[in-house]
C-alpha cells in the first residue's frame, strides 16, 4: 500500500482535494515551501507539474509557468532533490505530472528507480500512448508508484483498456474537452461520464480541468471522489511570487475549512 491508497483509506467517505503547482515556479525553494503550505491548508494529494517546453494538455497559465520554471534552470534532477528534502518533513502523497519524452530522456528504468528512491507516489503522463504503456508498467511493477490513468469524455471506446492497463492510485477524469484552465462551466454531462467510468473500475475517481473555486469543488465532490485544482493555484502562485500563507489560505478555502 502506498501513500495514495493510504490517504484514500484515511479519508473514508470524505472526498479528496488534489492541488497542483508547477515545480520550479517561482523557484525550487518555493516549491518545497508550497508543498508544506498546501498540506497545511488541507490538500490531500499534491501534484507537481514537471516543466516541459511543449505541454500539449496544458492551457496558457500552466504553459507560462513551465516556461518560467525552465528559464529558472529547473530540471528533473533538481525536482527529485526537492521531493527528497520534502520527504524528511511530510508524508503527503506526491504525484508527478510529466510528459513521456522527459522520462525517455532519462531512461525509463533509471527514472522509475529515482522516483522510488526519493518518494514519488504516482505518475500522470498525459501523452503516454496506450500501446507504449507496457514499457512503463514493466518498471513500475513491484514498486509503490502508481501509474494514474487519465480519461477524457472522448475515451469511452477505450475506457476499460486505459484504466485496467496497469493503472492505480486514482483515475484522473478530465471534465472538459480541450486543455487545462479556469472555466465557468464544463463541456460534458460529468455525472453520466463518471457513471460510465465507474462501470470499469473500483479506483477512486478525481476530476480535473477547470476547477477553480469552492463552489466547483463542492459540485465535483457530490459526484466524484476527488477534485483537482491546478491553474487557479498556479496563477495565484505567480501573482504572489509564491507567498506561502496566501496559497495555504487558498487551499483552505477550497477545502471548505
Protein backbone atom coordinates (compact mmCIF):
# COMPACT_ATOMS: atom_id res chain seq x y z
CA UNK A 1 0.00 0.00 0.00
CA UNK A 2 1.48 3.34 -1.00
CA UNK A 3 0.69 6.83 0.29
CA UNK A 4 -2.13 7.46 -2.21
CA UNK A 5 -4.01 4.32 -1.20
CA UNK A 6 -3.39 5.08 2.49
CA UNK A 7 -4.73 8.60 2.02
CA UNK A 8 -7.96 7.36 0.45
CA UNK A 9 -8.36 4.81 3.24
CA UNK A 10 -7.88 7.59 5.81
CA UNK A 11 -10.46 9.76 4.05
CA UNK A 12 -13.10 7.03 4.14
CA UNK A 13 -16.32 8.66 2.94
CA UNK A 14 -14.74 12.12 2.76
CA UNK A 15 -13.63 13.48 -0.58
CA UNK A 16 -10.08 14.37 -1.61
CA UNK A 17 -8.72 17.76 -2.58
CA UNK A 18 -5.82 17.40 -5.01
CA UNK A 19 -3.75 20.50 -5.72
CA UNK A 20 -1.24 21.22 -8.47
CA UNK A 21 1.76 23.53 -8.78
CA UNK A 22 4.48 23.79 -11.40
CA UNK A 23 7.81 22.69 -9.93
CA UNK A 24 10.37 25.49 -10.11
CA UNK A 25 7.89 28.37 -10.39
CA UNK A 26 8.80 30.82 -8.96
CA UNK A 27 11.76 28.77 -7.62
CA UNK A 28 12.59 25.29 -6.41
CA UNK A 29 12.98 26.59 -2.84
CA UNK A 30 9.44 27.98 -3.05
CA UNK A 31 8.18 24.69 -4.50
CA UNK A 32 9.25 22.86 -1.35
CA UNK A 33 7.69 25.54 0.88
CA UNK A 34 4.47 25.40 -1.14
CA UNK A 35 4.20 21.63 -0.63
CA UNK A 36 4.10 22.19 3.13
CA UNK A 37 1.76 25.17 2.81
CA UNK A 38 -0.76 23.26 0.67
CA UNK A 39 -0.67 20.28 3.01
CA UNK A 40 -1.27 22.63 5.95
CA UNK A 41 -4.20 24.17 4.06
CA UNK A 42 -5.80 20.76 3.64
CA UNK A 43 -4.51 19.31 0.36
CA UNK A 44 -4.79 15.52 0.47
CA UNK A 45 -2.61 14.81 -2.58
CA UNK A 46 -0.22 17.20 -4.32
CA UNK A 47 0.67 17.13 -8.00
CA UNK A 48 3.97 18.58 -9.12
CA UNK A 49 4.00 19.58 -12.76
CA UNK A 50 7.37 18.81 -14.35
CA UNK A 51 8.08 21.78 -16.65
CA UNK A 52 8.16 20.92 -20.33
CA UNK A 53 8.65 23.07 -23.43
CA UNK A 54 5.56 21.77 -25.25
CA UNK A 55 2.90 20.77 -22.67
CA UNK A 56 0.10 19.73 -25.03
CA UNK A 57 -2.53 19.15 -22.33
CA UNK A 58 -2.00 22.48 -20.59
CA UNK A 59 -3.53 25.89 -21.13
CA UNK A 60 -1.76 29.28 -21.14
CA UNK A 61 -1.44 29.63 -17.34
CA UNK A 62 0.50 26.40 -16.88
CA UNK A 63 2.40 26.83 -20.16
CA UNK A 64 3.67 30.20 -18.90
CA UNK A 65 4.60 28.67 -15.52
CA UNK A 66 6.50 25.88 -17.30
CA UNK A 67 8.47 28.43 -19.29
CA UNK A 68 9.30 30.48 -16.20
CA UNK A 69 10.49 27.32 -14.42
CA UNK A 70 12.65 26.28 -17.37
CA UNK A 71 14.10 29.79 -17.58
CA UNK A 72 14.99 29.46 -13.88
CA UNK A 73 17.13 26.42 -14.71
CA UNK A 74 14.66 23.88 -13.31
CA UNK A 75 15.33 20.31 -14.34
CA UNK A 76 14.24 16.85 -13.28
CA UNK A 77 17.34 16.17 -11.17
CA UNK A 78 16.69 19.32 -9.10
CA UNK A 79 13.00 18.43 -8.70
CA UNK A 80 13.94 14.99 -7.36
CA UNK A 81 16.08 16.80 -4.75
CA UNK A 82 13.03 18.85 -3.71
CA UNK A 83 11.00 15.65 -3.26
CA UNK A 84 13.83 14.00 -1.32
CA UNK A 85 14.04 17.02 1.02
CA UNK A 86 10.26 17.22 1.40
CA UNK A 87 10.11 13.56 2.41
CA UNK A 88 12.09 14.43 5.57
CA UNK A 89 9.14 16.54 6.72
CA UNK A 90 5.96 15.22 5.14
CA UNK A 91 4.20 12.03 4.06
CA UNK A 92 1.64 13.81 1.86
CA UNK A 93 1.21 11.84 -1.39
CA UNK A 94 3.23 13.46 -4.21
CA UNK A 95 2.42 12.85 -7.86
CA UNK A 96 4.39 13.94 -10.92
CA UNK A 97 2.51 15.20 -13.95
CA UNK A 98 5.20 14.57 -16.53
CA UNK A 99 5.45 14.25 -20.30
CA UNK A 100 6.75 10.98 -21.68
CA UNK A 101 9.69 12.48 -23.56
CA UNK A 102 11.14 13.74 -20.26
CA UNK A 103 11.08 10.17 -18.95
CA UNK A 104 12.60 8.75 -22.15
CA UNK A 105 15.43 11.28 -21.99
CA UNK A 106 16.36 9.94 -18.53
CA UNK A 107 15.75 6.31 -19.42
CA UNK A 108 12.58 4.66 -18.09
CA UNK A 109 14.27 2.27 -15.65
CA UNK A 110 16.57 4.95 -14.22
CA UNK A 111 13.67 7.38 -13.88
CA UNK A 112 11.47 4.86 -12.03
CA UNK A 113 14.27 3.97 -9.62
CA UNK A 114 14.78 7.65 -8.85
CA UNK A 115 11.04 8.09 -8.21
CA UNK A 116 11.09 5.20 -5.76
CA UNK A 117 14.28 6.36 -4.01
CA UNK A 118 13.06 9.91 -3.47
CA UNK A 119 9.44 9.20 -2.58
CA UNK A 120 7.29 9.95 -5.63
CA UNK A 121 3.96 8.13 -5.25
CA UNK A 122 2.33 8.45 -8.64
CA UNK A 123 2.77 9.45 -12.27
CA UNK A 124 0.33 11.14 -14.63
CA UNK A 125 1.69 11.01 -18.18
CA UNK A 126 -0.71 12.88 -20.50
CA UNK A 127 0.99 11.90 -23.75
CA UNK A 128 1.70 8.23 -22.99
CA UNK A 129 0.07 6.14 -25.73
CA UNK A 130 -1.79 3.06 -24.53
CA UNK A 131 0.34 0.97 -26.88
CA UNK A 132 3.57 2.08 -25.16
CA UNK A 133 2.33 1.78 -21.60
CA UNK A 134 3.81 -1.68 -21.18
CA UNK A 135 7.34 -0.25 -21.14
CA UNK A 136 6.46 1.93 -18.14
CA UNK A 137 4.46 -0.74 -16.31
CA UNK A 138 7.36 -3.17 -16.61
CA UNK A 139 9.44 -0.97 -14.29
CA UNK A 140 6.56 0.10 -12.01
CA UNK A 141 5.52 -3.45 -11.13
CA UNK A 142 6.53 -4.33 -7.60
CA UNK A 143 7.12 -0.68 -6.67
CA UNK A 144 4.91 1.66 -4.65
CA UNK A 145 4.46 4.01 -7.60
CA UNK A 146 1.05 4.29 -9.25
CA UNK A 147 0.59 4.96 -12.95
CA UNK A 148 -2.54 7.12 -12.75
CA UNK A 149 -4.84 6.65 -15.74
CA UNK A 150 -6.12 9.75 -17.49
CA UNK A 151 -9.52 9.51 -19.17
CA UNK A 152 -11.42 12.08 -21.20
CA UNK A 153 -15.07 12.28 -22.29
CA UNK A 154 -13.99 11.04 -25.73
CA UNK A 155 -12.23 7.98 -24.23
CA UNK A 156 -15.46 5.98 -23.98
CA UNK A 157 -14.48 3.32 -26.52
CA UNK A 158 -11.24 2.56 -24.66
CA UNK A 159 -12.10 3.27 -21.02
CA UNK A 160 -11.55 -0.30 -19.87
CA UNK A 161 -8.23 -0.64 -21.69
CA UNK A 162 -6.90 2.72 -20.45
CA UNK A 163 -7.85 2.17 -16.79
CA UNK A 164 -7.11 -1.53 -16.41
CA UNK A 165 -3.78 -1.49 -18.24
CA UNK A 166 -1.69 -1.24 -15.08
CA UNK A 167 -3.42 1.82 -13.69
CA UNK A 168 -3.52 2.61 -9.96
CA UNK A 169 -3.97 5.27 -7.30
CA UNK A 170 -6.98 7.05 -8.74
CA UNK A 171 -8.46 7.79 -12.14
CA UNK A 172 -7.90 11.33 -13.40
CA UNK A 173 -11.15 12.21 -15.17
CA UNK A 174 -10.95 15.23 -17.47
CA UNK A 175 -14.00 17.45 -17.01
CA UNK A 176 -13.96 19.16 -20.40
CA UNK A 177 -12.70 18.95 -23.93
CA UNK A 178 -9.54 20.97 -24.58
CA UNK A 179 -6.68 21.99 -22.31
CA UNK A 180 -6.34 22.93 -18.65
CA UNK A 181 -7.50 26.32 -17.44
CA UNK A 182 -10.05 28.09 -15.27
CA UNK A 183 -13.63 27.72 -16.55
CA UNK A 184 -17.09 28.88 -15.54
CA UNK A 185 -18.79 25.75 -16.88
CA UNK A 186 -17.95 22.30 -18.18
CA UNK A 187 -18.50 20.85 -21.63
CA UNK A 188 -19.94 17.47 -20.77
CA UNK A 189 -22.51 15.75 -18.59
CA UNK A 190 -19.97 14.89 -15.90
CA UNK A 191 -22.32 12.75 -13.83
CA UNK A 192 -23.04 10.42 -16.77
CA UNK A 193 -19.38 10.34 -17.76
CA UNK A 194 -18.31 9.35 -14.23
CA UNK A 195 -21.03 6.71 -14.01
CA UNK A 196 -19.61 5.19 -17.16
CA UNK A 197 -16.07 5.23 -15.74
CA UNK A 198 -17.31 3.54 -12.55
CA UNK A 199 -18.57 0.58 -14.55
CA UNK A 200 -14.98 -0.42 -15.38
CA UNK A 201 -13.04 0.34 -12.17
CA UNK A 202 -13.18 0.43 -8.38
CA UNK A 203 -10.41 3.03 -8.18
CA UNK A 204 -11.35 6.47 -6.76
CA UNK A 205 -12.34 8.99 -9.43
CA UNK A 206 -10.88 12.51 -9.32
CA UNK A 207 -12.00 15.27 -11.67
CA UNK A 208 -9.69 17.94 -13.06
CA UNK A 209 -9.51 20.75 -15.67
CA UNK A 210 -11.33 24.00 -14.91
CA UNK A 211 -11.96 23.64 -11.18
CA UNK A 212 -11.03 26.91 -9.51
CA UNK A 213 -13.23 27.75 -6.50
CA UNK A 214 -15.03 26.27 -3.51
CA UNK A 215 -18.35 26.01 -5.36
CA UNK A 216 -16.72 23.97 -8.13
CA UNK A 217 -15.08 21.69 -5.56
CA UNK A 218 -18.39 21.16 -3.73
CA UNK A 219 -20.15 20.30 -7.00
CA UNK A 220 -17.43 17.85 -8.02
CA UNK A 221 -17.43 16.23 -4.56
CA UNK A 222 -21.12 15.38 -5.00
CA UNK A 223 -20.33 13.08 -7.92
CA UNK A 224 -16.62 12.12 -7.61
CA UNK A 225 -14.07 11.04 -5.01
CA UNK A 226 -11.72 13.96 -5.55
CA UNK A 227 -11.41 17.41 -7.10
CA UNK A 228 -8.19 18.58 -8.75
CA UNK A 229 -7.32 22.29 -8.75
CA UNK A 230 -4.40 23.40 -10.89
CA UNK A 231 -4.46 26.57 -12.98
CA UNK A 232 -6.15 28.68 -10.28
CA UNK A 233 -3.35 27.86 -7.83
CA UNK A 234 -0.57 28.23 -10.41
CA UNK A 235 -1.95 31.67 -11.32
CA UNK A 236 -2.06 32.72 -7.66
CA UNK A 237 1.50 31.45 -7.08
CA UNK A 238 2.68 33.67 -9.94
CA UNK A 239 0.70 36.71 -8.82
CA UNK A 240 2.01 36.47 -5.24
CA UNK A 241 5.55 35.22 -6.02
CA UNK A 242 4.67 32.03 -4.15
CA UNK A 243 3.57 33.69 -0.90
CA UNK A 244 3.03 30.55 1.19
CA UNK A 245 0.39 31.95 3.56
CA UNK A 246 -1.77 33.14 0.65
CA UNK A 247 -1.53 29.74 -1.05
CA UNK A 248 -2.26 27.95 2.23
CA UNK A 249 -5.37 30.11 2.69
CA UNK A 250 -6.49 29.48 -0.92
CA UNK A 251 -6.25 25.72 -0.35
CA UNK A 252 -8.05 26.09 2.99
CA UNK A 253 -10.85 27.96 1.21
CA UNK A 254 -11.07 25.28 -1.50
CA UNK A 255 -11.20 22.60 1.19
CA UNK A 256 -14.01 24.42 2.99
CA UNK A 257 -12.24 24.87 6.33
